[in-house]
Amino acid sequence: MDTFDAIITRRSTRGYSSAPVERDKLEKIIEAGRFAPSGGNNQTNHFIVVQNPDVLQKLATLAQEAFAKMEVTPETYSSLKTSILLSKKGGYVFHYNAPVLIIVANQKNYGNNMADCAVAVENMMIAANELDLGSCWINQIHWLTEDEKIFACLRSLGLKENERVYASMALGYAKDGKPNRKPLPRKGNEVTYV
């Protein structure tokens, strides 16, 4: 698969098998994130790779509890609304039971924190597609990064006091085999040539 094909055929996977991701593939994906561009080549992203099922469950439980306390308003972002409503019903697992959750943090007061984390996750998602692994962008930990219980849990996993989570991704083998690679037609993302 060439780079362009890996980009245009990457699709979000929301159903994962319990099969573990091989260490060599995981390390290659993390390296793709580490080699992403960063503002001023600062390289301040912090990758927290969660594979422990107990920790994944704890994060899912804490996220569900936090979202269930929130209220939906007419201005609530659609994905956040979904997380809130599903959490109120119970049984919500924000990372789709993927065997790996890669949390990407950066310095709280660094001007390019979100951009640097975003390009790292995109690199890792493209690498995952090329390696026949499914992935999905995960915003929930970012939305809850200031929640006291979640922040304490993240600190226990190695997050530094001056860091916050700006992006995450679920990673694993798709439940139905290889990831869906049928490109979706573009219905937005206007282009203007000058």
N, C-alpha and C. Protein backbone atom coordinates (compact mmCIF):
# COMPACT_ATOMS: atom_id res chain seq x y z
N MET A 1 0.85 -1.17 0.00
CA MET A 1 0.00 0.00 0.00
C MET A 1 0.90 1.24 0.00
N ASP A 2 0.65 2.15 -0.96
CA ASP A 2 1.45 3.37 -0.96
C ASP A 2 0.83 4.40 -0.01
N THR A 3 1.54 5.48 0.24
CA THR A 3 1.11 6.47 1.22
C THR A 3 -0.26 7.05 0.89
N PHE A 4 -0.48 7.42 -0.38
CA PHE A 4 -1.76 8.01 -0.76
C PHE A 4 -2.91 7.04 -0.50
N ASP A 5 -2.73 5.78 -0.85
CA ASP A 5 -3.77 4.78 -0.60
C ASP A 5 -4.02 4.61 0.91
N ALA A 6 -2.95 4.63 1.70
CA ALA A 6 -3.11 4.50 3.15
C ALA A 6 -3.91 5.68 3.71
N ILE A 7 -3.76 6.84 3.10
CA ILE A 7 -4.50 8.03 3.56
C ILE A 7 -5.97 7.95 3.16
N ILE A 8 -6.22 7.72 1.87
CA ILE A 8 -7.62 7.80 1.41
C ILE A 8 -8.46 6.59 1.80
N THR A 9 -7.82 5.49 2.18
CA THR A 9 -8.59 4.31 2.58
C THR A 9 -8.71 4.16 4.10
N ARG A 10 -8.13 5.08 4.85
CA ARG A 10 -8.23 5.00 6.30
C ARG A 10 -9.66 5.37 6.72
N ARG A 11 -10.26 4.48 7.49
CA ARG A 11 -11.62 4.70 8.01
C ARG A 11 -11.62 4.41 9.50
N SER A 12 -12.52 5.02 10.21
CA SER A 12 -12.62 4.78 11.65
C SER A 12 -13.20 3.39 11.92
N THR A 13 -12.57 2.69 12.84
CA THR A 13 -13.03 1.37 13.27
C THR A 13 -13.65 1.51 14.65
N ARG A 14 -14.89 1.02 14.79
CA ARG A 14 -15.59 1.14 16.07
C ARG A 14 -15.99 -0.23 16.63
N GLY A 15 -15.40 -1.28 16.11
CA GLY A 15 -15.61 -2.63 16.63
C GLY A 15 -14.30 -3.38 16.54
N TYR A 16 -13.81 -3.86 17.68
CA TYR A 16 -12.48 -4.48 17.73
C TYR A 16 -12.55 -5.90 18.26
N SER A 17 -11.64 -6.75 17.77
CA SER A 17 -11.48 -8.07 18.35
C SER A 17 -10.63 -7.91 19.61
N SER A 18 -10.57 -8.93 20.42
CA SER A 18 -9.77 -8.86 21.64
C SER A 18 -8.31 -9.23 21.38
N ALA A 19 -7.96 -9.55 20.13
CA ALA A 19 -6.59 -9.94 19.80
C ALA A 19 -5.63 -8.80 20.13
N PRO A 20 -4.54 -9.12 20.81
CA PRO A 20 -3.57 -8.06 21.12
C PRO A 20 -2.84 -7.59 19.87
N VAL A 21 -2.37 -6.35 19.93
CA VAL A 21 -1.56 -5.80 18.84
C VAL A 21 -0.12 -6.21 19.10
N GLU A 22 0.51 -6.79 18.09
CA GLU A 22 1.90 -7.24 18.22
C GLU A 22 2.80 -6.05 18.57
N ARG A 23 3.79 -6.33 19.42
CA ARG A 23 4.69 -5.28 19.92
C ARG A 23 5.40 -4.55 18.78
N ASP A 24 5.85 -5.28 17.75
CA ASP A 24 6.59 -4.63 16.67
C ASP A 24 5.68 -3.67 15.89
N LYS A 25 4.41 -4.05 15.69
CA LYS A 25 3.47 -3.15 15.00
C LYS A 25 3.16 -1.94 15.86
N LEU A 26 2.96 -2.16 17.15
CA LEU A 26 2.67 -1.06 18.06
C LEU A 26 3.83 -0.07 18.10
N GLU A 27 5.04 -0.58 18.18
CA GLU A 27 6.21 0.31 18.21
C GLU A 27 6.34 1.10 16.91
N LYS A 28 6.03 0.47 15.78
CA LYS A 28 6.10 1.16 14.48
C LYS A 28 5.06 2.29 14.43
N ILE A 29 3.88 2.02 14.94
CA ILE A 29 2.82 3.04 14.96
C ILE A 29 3.21 4.20 15.87
N ILE A 30 3.76 3.90 17.03
CA ILE A 30 4.20 4.96 17.94
C ILE A 30 5.31 5.79 17.29
N GLU A 31 6.23 5.13 16.60
CA GLU A 31 7.29 5.87 15.92
C GLU A 31 6.72 6.81 14.85
N ALA A 32 5.68 6.36 14.15
CA ALA A 32 5.03 7.24 13.16
C ALA A 32 4.51 8.50 13.85
N GLY A 33 3.98 8.36 15.05
CA GLY A 33 3.52 9.53 15.81
C GLY A 33 4.67 10.39 16.28
N ARG A 34 5.73 9.77 16.72
CA ARG A 34 6.89 10.52 17.22
C ARG A 34 7.59 11.30 16.12
N PHE A 35 7.46 10.83 14.87
CA PHE A 35 8.09 11.51 13.75
C PHE A 35 7.17 12.52 13.07
N ALA A 36 6.01 12.78 13.65
CA ALA A 36 5.11 13.80 13.10
C ALA A 36 5.74 15.18 13.29
N PRO A 37 5.37 16.13 12.45
CA PRO A 37 5.89 17.49 12.64
C PRO A 37 5.40 18.08 13.97
N SER A 38 6.17 19.02 14.47
CA SER A 38 5.76 19.75 15.68
C SER A 38 6.22 21.20 15.55
N GLY A 39 5.47 22.09 16.17
CA GLY A 39 5.80 23.51 16.09
C GLY A 39 7.22 23.78 16.57
N GLY A 40 8.02 24.40 15.72
CA GLY A 40 9.40 24.71 16.09
C GLY A 40 10.23 23.47 16.36
N ASN A 41 9.78 22.31 15.90
CA ASN A 41 10.42 21.03 16.16
C ASN A 41 10.62 20.81 17.66
N ASN A 42 9.63 21.24 18.45
CA ASN A 42 9.74 21.12 19.91
C ASN A 42 9.63 19.69 20.41
N GLN A 43 8.89 18.83 19.71
CA GLN A 43 8.76 17.42 20.07
C GLN A 43 8.37 17.25 21.54
N THR A 44 7.26 17.90 21.92
CA THR A 44 6.82 17.84 23.32
C THR A 44 5.61 16.93 23.54
N ASN A 45 5.21 16.17 22.54
CA ASN A 45 4.11 15.22 22.74
C ASN A 45 4.54 14.14 23.73
N HIS A 46 3.57 13.67 24.49
CA HIS A 46 3.80 12.58 25.45
C HIS A 46 2.78 11.49 25.11
N PHE A 47 3.26 10.33 24.70
CA PHE A 47 2.42 9.21 24.29
C PHE A 47 2.25 8.25 25.47
N ILE A 48 1.03 8.06 25.89
CA ILE A 48 0.74 7.11 26.97
C ILE A 48 -0.02 5.96 26.31
N VAL A 49 0.61 4.80 26.25
CA VAL A 49 0.06 3.64 25.55
C VAL A 49 -0.57 2.70 26.57
N VAL A 50 -1.90 2.65 26.57
CA VAL A 50 -2.63 1.86 27.55
C VAL A 50 -3.06 0.55 26.91
N GLN A 51 -2.55 -0.57 27.46
CA GLN A 51 -2.91 -1.90 26.98
C GLN A 51 -3.51 -2.75 28.09
N ASN A 52 -3.34 -2.33 29.31
CA ASN A 52 -3.82 -3.08 30.46
C ASN A 52 -5.35 -3.02 30.49
N PRO A 53 -6.03 -4.18 30.38
CA PRO A 53 -7.50 -4.18 30.34
C PRO A 53 -8.14 -3.55 31.57
N ASP A 54 -7.52 -3.71 32.73
CA ASP A 54 -8.08 -3.11 33.96
C ASP A 54 -8.03 -1.58 33.90
N VAL A 55 -6.94 -1.05 33.37
CA VAL A 55 -6.81 0.41 33.24
C VAL A 55 -7.78 0.93 32.18
N LEU A 56 -7.91 0.20 31.08
CA LEU A 56 -8.87 0.60 30.05
C LEU A 56 -10.29 0.64 30.62
N GLN A 57 -10.63 -0.37 31.42
CA GLN A 57 -11.96 -0.41 32.04
C GLN A 57 -12.14 0.72 33.04
N LYS A 58 -11.10 1.00 33.80
CA LYS A 58 -11.19 2.09 34.78
C LYS A 58 -11.43 3.42 34.08
N LEU A 59 -10.70 3.68 32.99
CA LEU A 59 -10.89 4.91 32.23
C LEU A 59 -12.30 4.99 31.66
N ALA A 60 -12.80 3.87 31.15
CA ALA A 60 -14.15 3.84 30.59
C ALA A 60 -15.19 4.14 31.68
N THR A 61 -15.00 3.56 32.85
CA THR A 61 -15.94 3.79 33.96
C THR A 61 -15.90 5.24 34.41
N LEU A 62 -14.69 5.78 34.57
CA LEU A 62 -14.57 7.18 34.99
C LEU A 62 -15.17 8.12 33.96
N ALA A 63 -14.95 7.84 32.68
CA ALA A 63 -15.51 8.68 31.62
C ALA A 63 -17.03 8.62 31.64
N GLN A 64 -17.57 7.42 31.77
CA GLN A 64 -19.03 7.27 31.81
C GLN A 64 -19.61 8.05 32.98
N GLU A 65 -18.99 7.95 34.14
CA GLU A 65 -19.48 8.68 35.32
C GLU A 65 -19.45 10.18 35.10
N ALA A 66 -18.36 10.67 34.50
CA ALA A 66 -18.24 12.12 34.26
C ALA A 66 -19.25 12.60 33.23
N PHE A 67 -19.40 11.89 32.14
CA PHE A 67 -20.36 12.29 31.12
C PHE A 67 -21.80 12.22 31.63
N ALA A 68 -22.10 11.22 32.44
CA ALA A 68 -23.47 11.04 32.95
C ALA A 68 -23.91 12.22 33.83
N LYS A 69 -22.96 12.94 34.40
CA LYS A 69 -23.28 14.11 35.23
C LYS A 69 -23.57 15.36 34.39
N MET A 70 -23.22 15.33 33.11
CA MET A 70 -23.39 16.50 32.24
C MET A 70 -24.81 16.57 31.70
N GLU A 71 -25.19 17.77 31.32
CA GLU A 71 -26.49 17.98 30.69
C GLU A 71 -26.29 18.39 29.24
N VAL A 72 -27.22 18.00 28.41
CA VAL A 72 -27.19 18.36 26.99
C VAL A 72 -27.95 19.67 26.81
N THR A 73 -27.35 20.58 26.08
CA THR A 73 -28.01 21.85 25.73
C THR A 73 -28.12 21.91 24.21
N PRO A 74 -28.88 22.84 23.69
CA PRO A 74 -28.96 22.97 22.22
C PRO A 74 -27.60 23.24 21.56
N GLU A 75 -26.66 23.79 22.31
CA GLU A 75 -25.34 24.12 21.76
C GLU A 75 -24.34 22.97 21.91
N THR A 76 -24.71 21.89 22.55
CA THR A 76 -23.77 20.79 22.80
C THR A 76 -23.33 20.17 21.47
N TYR A 77 -22.03 20.06 21.32
CA TYR A 77 -21.43 19.43 20.14
C TYR A 77 -21.99 18.02 19.97
N SER A 78 -22.29 17.62 18.75
CA SER A 78 -23.02 16.37 18.51
C SER A 78 -22.33 15.13 19.10
N SER A 79 -21.03 15.00 18.95
CA SER A 79 -20.34 13.83 19.50
C SER A 79 -20.34 13.85 21.02
N LEU A 80 -20.19 15.03 21.60
CA LEU A 80 -20.24 15.14 23.05
C LEU A 80 -21.64 14.79 23.54
N LYS A 81 -22.66 15.23 22.81
CA LYS A 81 -24.04 14.89 23.15
C LYS A 81 -24.23 13.38 23.16
N THR A 82 -23.68 12.70 22.16
CA THR A 82 -23.79 11.25 22.10
C THR A 82 -23.14 10.61 23.32
N SER A 83 -21.95 11.08 23.70
CA SER A 83 -21.26 10.53 24.87
C SER A 83 -22.08 10.73 26.14
N ILE A 84 -22.69 11.89 26.28
CA ILE A 84 -23.49 12.19 27.46
C ILE A 84 -24.71 11.27 27.51
N LEU A 85 -25.44 11.20 26.40
CA LEU A 85 -26.67 10.40 26.38
C LEU A 85 -26.39 8.91 26.59
N LEU A 86 -25.33 8.39 25.94
CA LEU A 86 -25.00 6.98 26.12
C LEU A 86 -24.53 6.69 27.55
N SER A 87 -23.83 7.64 28.15
CA SER A 87 -23.37 7.46 29.53
C SER A 87 -24.54 7.43 30.50
N LYS A 88 -25.54 8.24 30.25
CA LYS A 88 -26.72 8.26 31.12
C LYS A 88 -27.48 6.93 31.05
N LYS A 89 -27.39 6.24 29.91
CA LYS A 89 -28.04 4.92 29.77
C LYS A 89 -27.24 3.83 30.47
N GLY A 90 -25.91 4.01 30.56
CA GLY A 90 -25.05 3.01 31.19
C GLY A 90 -24.40 2.10 30.15
N GLY A 91 -23.27 1.53 30.52
CA GLY A 91 -22.57 0.60 29.64
C GLY A 91 -21.76 1.26 28.54
N TYR A 92 -21.52 2.56 28.65
CA TYR A 92 -20.80 3.30 27.61
C TYR A 92 -19.30 3.06 27.72
N VAL A 93 -18.69 2.62 26.63
CA VAL A 93 -17.25 2.41 26.57
C VAL A 93 -16.72 3.26 25.42
N PHE A 94 -16.14 4.41 25.78
CA PHE A 94 -15.75 5.41 24.79
C PHE A 94 -14.69 4.93 23.80
N HIS A 95 -13.91 3.94 24.15
CA HIS A 95 -12.83 3.48 23.28
C HIS A 95 -13.20 2.21 22.50
N TYR A 96 -14.50 1.91 22.46
CA TYR A 96 -15.03 0.80 21.65
C TYR A 96 -14.40 -0.54 21.98
N ASN A 97 -13.93 -0.72 23.20
CA ASN A 97 -13.29 -1.96 23.65
C ASN A 97 -12.06 -2.35 22.84
N ALA A 98 -11.40 -1.36 22.28
CA ALA A 98 -10.13 -1.63 21.58
C ALA A 98 -9.10 -2.11 22.61
N PRO A 99 -8.20 -3.00 22.22
CA PRO A 99 -7.21 -3.49 23.18
C PRO A 99 -6.10 -2.48 23.48
N VAL A 100 -6.02 -1.40 22.69
CA VAL A 100 -5.00 -0.37 22.91
C VAL A 100 -5.66 1.00 22.81
N LEU A 101 -5.31 1.87 23.75
CA LEU A 101 -5.70 3.27 23.69
C LEU A 101 -4.42 4.08 23.78
N ILE A 102 -4.14 4.86 22.74
CA ILE A 102 -2.95 5.71 22.76
C ILE A 102 -3.42 7.12 23.09
N ILE A 103 -2.99 7.60 24.24
CA ILE A 103 -3.34 8.94 24.71
C ILE A 103 -2.16 9.86 24.38
N VAL A 104 -2.46 10.99 23.75
CA VAL A 104 -1.39 11.92 23.38
C VAL A 104 -1.61 13.23 24.14
N ALA A 105 -0.65 13.56 24.96
CA ALA A 105 -0.70 14.77 25.78
C ALA A 105 0.41 15.72 25.35
N ASN A 106 0.28 16.95 25.82
CA ASN A 106 1.30 17.94 25.56
C ASN A 106 1.22 18.98 26.67
N GLN A 107 2.14 19.90 26.67
CA GLN A 107 2.20 20.92 27.70
C GLN A 107 0.97 21.83 27.63
N LYS A 108 0.38 22.09 28.77
CA LYS A 108 -0.86 22.85 28.86
C LYS A 108 -0.71 24.26 28.26
N ASN A 109 0.40 24.91 28.48
CA ASN A 109 0.57 26.30 28.05
C ASN A 109 1.39 26.45 26.77
N TYR A 110 1.50 25.39 26.00
CA TYR A 110 2.24 25.42 24.74
C TYR A 110 1.26 25.73 23.61
N GLY A 111 1.56 26.73 22.81
CA GLY A 111 0.64 27.22 21.79
C GLY A 111 0.25 26.22 20.71
N ASN A 112 1.09 25.25 20.43
CA ASN A 112 0.80 24.26 19.38
C ASN A 112 0.40 22.91 19.95
N ASN A 113 -0.03 22.84 21.21
CA ASN A 113 -0.29 21.56 21.85
C ASN A 113 -1.30 20.71 21.08
N MET A 114 -2.43 21.28 20.72
CA MET A 114 -3.45 20.49 20.03
C MET A 114 -3.00 20.12 18.61
N ALA A 115 -2.40 21.05 17.91
CA ALA A 115 -1.94 20.77 16.54
C ALA A 115 -0.89 19.68 16.53
N ASP A 116 0.07 19.74 17.43
CA ASP A 116 1.12 18.74 17.47
C ASP A 116 0.55 17.35 17.79
N CYS A 117 -0.40 17.29 18.70
CA CYS A 117 -1.02 16.00 19.03
C CYS A 117 -1.85 15.48 17.86
N ALA A 118 -2.54 16.40 17.17
CA ALA A 118 -3.39 15.99 16.04
C ALA A 118 -2.58 15.38 14.91
N VAL A 119 -1.46 16.00 14.54
CA VAL A 119 -0.69 15.44 13.43
C VAL A 119 -0.04 14.11 13.84
N ALA A 120 0.30 13.97 15.11
CA ALA A 120 0.86 12.70 15.57
C ALA A 120 -0.18 11.59 15.46
N VAL A 121 -1.41 11.87 15.90
CA VAL A 121 -2.46 10.85 15.82
C VAL A 121 -2.76 10.51 14.36
N GLU A 122 -2.82 11.50 13.51
CA GLU A 122 -3.07 11.21 12.09
C GLU A 122 -1.98 10.32 11.51
N ASN A 123 -0.72 10.62 11.80
CA ASN A 123 0.38 9.75 11.34
C ASN A 123 0.18 8.32 11.82
N MET A 124 -0.20 8.17 13.10
CA MET A 124 -0.36 6.83 13.66
C MET A 124 -1.56 6.11 13.04
N MET A 125 -2.63 6.83 12.74
CA MET A 125 -3.79 6.20 12.13
C MET A 125 -3.48 5.72 10.71
N ILE A 126 -2.71 6.49 9.98
CA ILE A 126 -2.31 6.07 8.62
C ILE A 126 -1.39 4.85 8.71
N ALA A 127 -0.45 4.88 9.65
CA ALA A 127 0.45 3.73 9.83
C ALA A 127 -0.35 2.48 10.21
N ALA A 128 -1.34 2.65 11.09
CA ALA A 128 -2.17 1.52 11.50
C ALA A 128 -2.90 0.93 10.30
N ASN A 129 -3.43 1.77 9.44
CA ASN A 129 -4.13 1.28 8.25
C ASN A 129 -3.18 0.47 7.37
N GLU A 130 -1.99 0.95 7.19
CA GLU A 130 -1.02 0.26 6.36
C GLU A 130 -0.64 -1.10 6.96
N LEU A 131 -0.76 -1.22 8.29
CA LEU A 131 -0.41 -2.47 8.98
C LEU A 131 -1.64 -3.35 9.24
N ASP A 132 -2.74 -3.08 8.55
CA ASP A 132 -3.99 -3.85 8.66
C ASP A 132 -4.64 -3.77 10.03
N LEU A 133 -4.42 -2.69 10.74
CA LEU A 133 -5.04 -2.45 12.03
C LEU A 133 -6.10 -1.37 11.92
N GLY A 134 -7.13 -1.49 12.72
CA GLY A 134 -8.16 -0.46 12.78
C GLY A 134 -7.80 0.58 13.82
N SER A 135 -8.30 1.78 13.60
CA SER A 135 -8.07 2.87 14.55
C SER A 135 -9.27 3.80 14.54
N CYS A 136 -9.38 4.59 15.58
CA CYS A 136 -10.45 5.58 15.66
C CYS A 136 -9.98 6.74 16.53
N TRP A 137 -10.19 7.95 16.05
CA TRP A 137 -9.89 9.15 16.82
C TRP A 137 -10.82 9.18 18.03
N ILE A 138 -10.28 9.45 19.20
CA ILE A 138 -11.05 9.47 20.43
C ILE A 138 -10.90 10.84 21.10
N ASN A 139 -11.99 11.59 21.24
CA ASN A 139 -11.96 12.91 21.88
C ASN A 139 -12.30 12.89 23.36
N GLN A 140 -12.91 11.83 23.84
CA GLN A 140 -13.51 11.84 25.17
C GLN A 140 -12.54 12.19 26.29
N ILE A 141 -11.33 11.66 26.26
CA ILE A 141 -10.37 11.98 27.32
C ILE A 141 -9.97 13.46 27.23
N HIS A 142 -9.85 13.99 26.03
CA HIS A 142 -9.56 15.42 25.87
C HIS A 142 -10.66 16.26 26.51
N TRP A 143 -11.92 15.88 26.24
CA TRP A 143 -13.04 16.64 26.80
C TRP A 143 -13.06 16.58 28.32
N LEU A 144 -12.50 15.52 28.88
CA LEU A 144 -12.56 15.31 30.33
C LEU A 144 -11.20 15.50 31.01
N THR A 145 -10.23 16.05 30.31
CA THR A 145 -8.87 16.12 30.84
C THR A 145 -8.78 16.92 32.14
N GLU A 146 -9.73 17.83 32.39
CA GLU A 146 -9.71 18.61 33.63
C GLU A 146 -10.58 17.98 34.72
N ASP A 147 -11.29 16.89 34.42
CA ASP A 147 -12.06 16.19 35.43
C ASP A 147 -11.11 15.66 36.50
N GLU A 148 -11.42 15.95 37.75
CA GLU A 148 -10.52 15.63 38.85
C GLU A 148 -10.14 14.14 38.92
N LYS A 149 -11.13 13.26 38.80
CA LYS A 149 -10.87 11.82 38.91
C LYS A 149 -10.09 11.32 37.69
N ILE A 150 -10.44 11.79 36.52
CA ILE A 150 -9.73 11.33 35.31
C ILE A 150 -8.31 11.88 35.30
N PHE A 151 -8.16 13.14 35.70
CA PHE A 151 -6.81 13.71 35.75
C PHE A 151 -5.94 12.93 36.73
N ALA A 152 -6.50 12.56 37.88
CA ALA A 152 -5.74 11.76 38.86
C ALA A 152 -5.36 10.40 38.28
N CYS A 153 -6.28 9.78 37.56
CA CYS A 153 -5.98 8.49 36.93
C CYS A 153 -4.87 8.66 35.89
N LEU A 154 -4.98 9.70 35.07
CA LEU A 154 -3.96 9.95 34.05
C LEU A 154 -2.60 10.24 34.68
N ARG A 155 -2.60 10.97 35.79
CA ARG A 155 -1.34 11.24 36.50
C ARG A 155 -0.72 9.92 36.97
N SER A 156 -1.55 8.98 37.42
CA SER A 156 -1.02 7.68 37.86
C SER A 156 -0.44 6.88 36.70
N LEU A 157 -0.84 7.23 35.48
CA LEU A 157 -0.32 6.56 34.28
C LEU A 157 0.91 7.26 33.70
N GLY A 158 1.31 8.38 34.30
CA GLY A 158 2.52 9.06 33.85
C GLY A 158 2.32 10.46 33.31
N LEU A 159 1.07 10.93 33.22
CA LEU A 159 0.83 12.31 32.77
C LEU A 159 1.46 13.27 33.76
N LYS A 160 2.17 14.26 33.24
CA LYS A 160 2.82 15.24 34.11
C LYS A 160 1.82 16.33 34.50
N GLU A 161 2.10 16.98 35.61
CA GLU A 161 1.21 18.02 36.15
C GLU A 161 0.92 19.12 35.12
N ASN A 162 1.93 19.49 34.32
CA ASN A 162 1.75 20.58 33.36
C ASN A 162 1.24 20.10 31.99
N GLU A 163 0.85 18.84 31.88
CA GLU A 163 0.35 18.29 30.62
C GLU A 163 -1.16 18.09 30.67
N ARG A 164 -1.75 18.14 29.48
CA ARG A 164 -3.15 17.80 29.32
C ARG A 164 -3.28 16.95 28.07
N VAL A 165 -4.36 16.20 27.98
CA VAL A 165 -4.61 15.33 26.84
C VAL A 165 -5.29 16.15 25.74
N TYR A 166 -4.75 16.06 24.52
CA TYR A 166 -5.32 16.79 23.39
C TYR A 166 -5.83 15.86 22.29
N ALA A 167 -5.48 14.60 22.35
CA ALA A 167 -5.97 13.63 21.36
C ALA A 167 -5.71 12.23 21.88
N SER A 168 -6.48 11.29 21.37
CA SER A 168 -6.29 9.87 21.70
C SER A 168 -6.74 9.07 20.50
N MET A 169 -6.35 7.81 20.48
CA MET A 169 -6.84 6.93 19.42
C MET A 169 -6.97 5.50 19.94
N ALA A 170 -8.06 4.89 19.53
CA ALA A 170 -8.27 3.47 19.79
C ALA A 170 -7.51 2.71 18.70
N LEU A 171 -6.98 1.55 19.05
CA LEU A 171 -6.18 0.77 18.10
C LEU A 171 -6.38 -0.72 18.34
N GLY A 172 -6.51 -1.47 17.27
CA GLY A 172 -6.61 -2.91 17.38
C GLY A 172 -7.04 -3.52 16.07
N TYR A 173 -7.23 -4.82 16.10
CA TYR A 173 -7.72 -5.52 14.92
C TYR A 173 -9.24 -5.36 14.84
N ALA A 174 -9.72 -5.06 13.65
CA ALA A 174 -11.16 -4.90 13.45
C ALA A 174 -11.86 -6.21 13.77
N LYS A 175 -13.02 -6.10 14.38
CA LYS A 175 -13.80 -7.27 14.78
C LYS A 175 -14.11 -8.18 13.59
N ASP A 176 -14.32 -7.60 12.43
CA ASP A 176 -14.67 -8.37 11.23
C ASP A 176 -13.47 -8.62 10.32
N GLY A 177 -12.28 -8.66 10.87
CA GLY A 177 -11.09 -8.90 10.05
C GLY A 177 -10.36 -7.60 9.78
N LYS A 178 -10.01 -7.38 8.54
CA LYS A 178 -9.28 -6.15 8.18
C LYS A 178 -10.20 -4.94 8.27
N PRO A 179 -9.59 -3.76 8.47
CA PRO A 179 -10.41 -2.56 8.56
C PRO A 179 -11.16 -2.28 7.24
N ASN A 180 -12.31 -1.62 7.37
CA ASN A 180 -13.05 -1.16 6.19
C ASN A 180 -12.20 -0.13 5.47
N ARG A 181 -11.94 -0.36 4.22
CA ARG A 181 -11.08 0.56 3.48
C ARG A 181 -11.78 1.23 2.30
N LYS A 182 -13.08 1.16 2.27
CA LYS A 182 -13.81 1.80 1.16
C LYS A 182 -13.82 3.31 1.40
N PRO A 183 -13.18 4.08 0.52
CA PRO A 183 -13.15 5.54 0.73
C PRO A 183 -14.56 6.13 0.68
N LEU A 184 -14.82 7.04 1.58
CA LEU A 184 -16.10 7.76 1.59
C LEU A 184 -16.00 8.97 0.66
N PRO A 185 -17.06 9.24 -0.09
CA PRO A 185 -17.03 10.43 -0.93
C PRO A 185 -16.90 11.68 -0.07
N ARG A 186 -16.25 12.67 -0.59
CA ARG A 186 -16.11 13.94 0.12
C ARG A 186 -17.35 14.78 -0.10
N LYS A 187 -17.92 15.29 0.97
CA LYS A 187 -19.09 16.16 0.85
C LYS A 187 -18.82 17.55 1.43
N GLY A 188 -17.59 17.78 1.80
CA GLY A 188 -17.17 19.06 2.36
C GLY A 188 -15.71 19.30 2.05
N ASN A 189 -15.07 20.07 2.87
CA ASN A 189 -13.65 20.39 2.70
C ASN A 189 -13.39 21.09 1.38
N GLU A 190 -14.00 22.26 1.26
CA GLU A 190 -13.91 23.09 0.05
C GLU A 190 -12.45 23.39 -0.29
N VAL A 191 -12.16 23.46 -1.57
CA VAL A 191 -10.83 23.80 -2.07
C VAL A 191 -10.95 25.01 -2.98
N THR A 192 -10.12 26.01 -2.78
CA THR A 192 -10.05 27.19 -3.65
C THR A 192 -8.62 27.33 -4.13
N TYR A 193 -8.43 27.30 -5.44
CA TYR A 193 -7.11 27.52 -6.01
C TYR A 193 -7.01 28.99 -6.43
N VAL A 194 -5.91 29.61 -6.13
CA VAL A 194 -5.70 31.02 -6.49
C VAL A 194 -4.47 31.12 -7.38
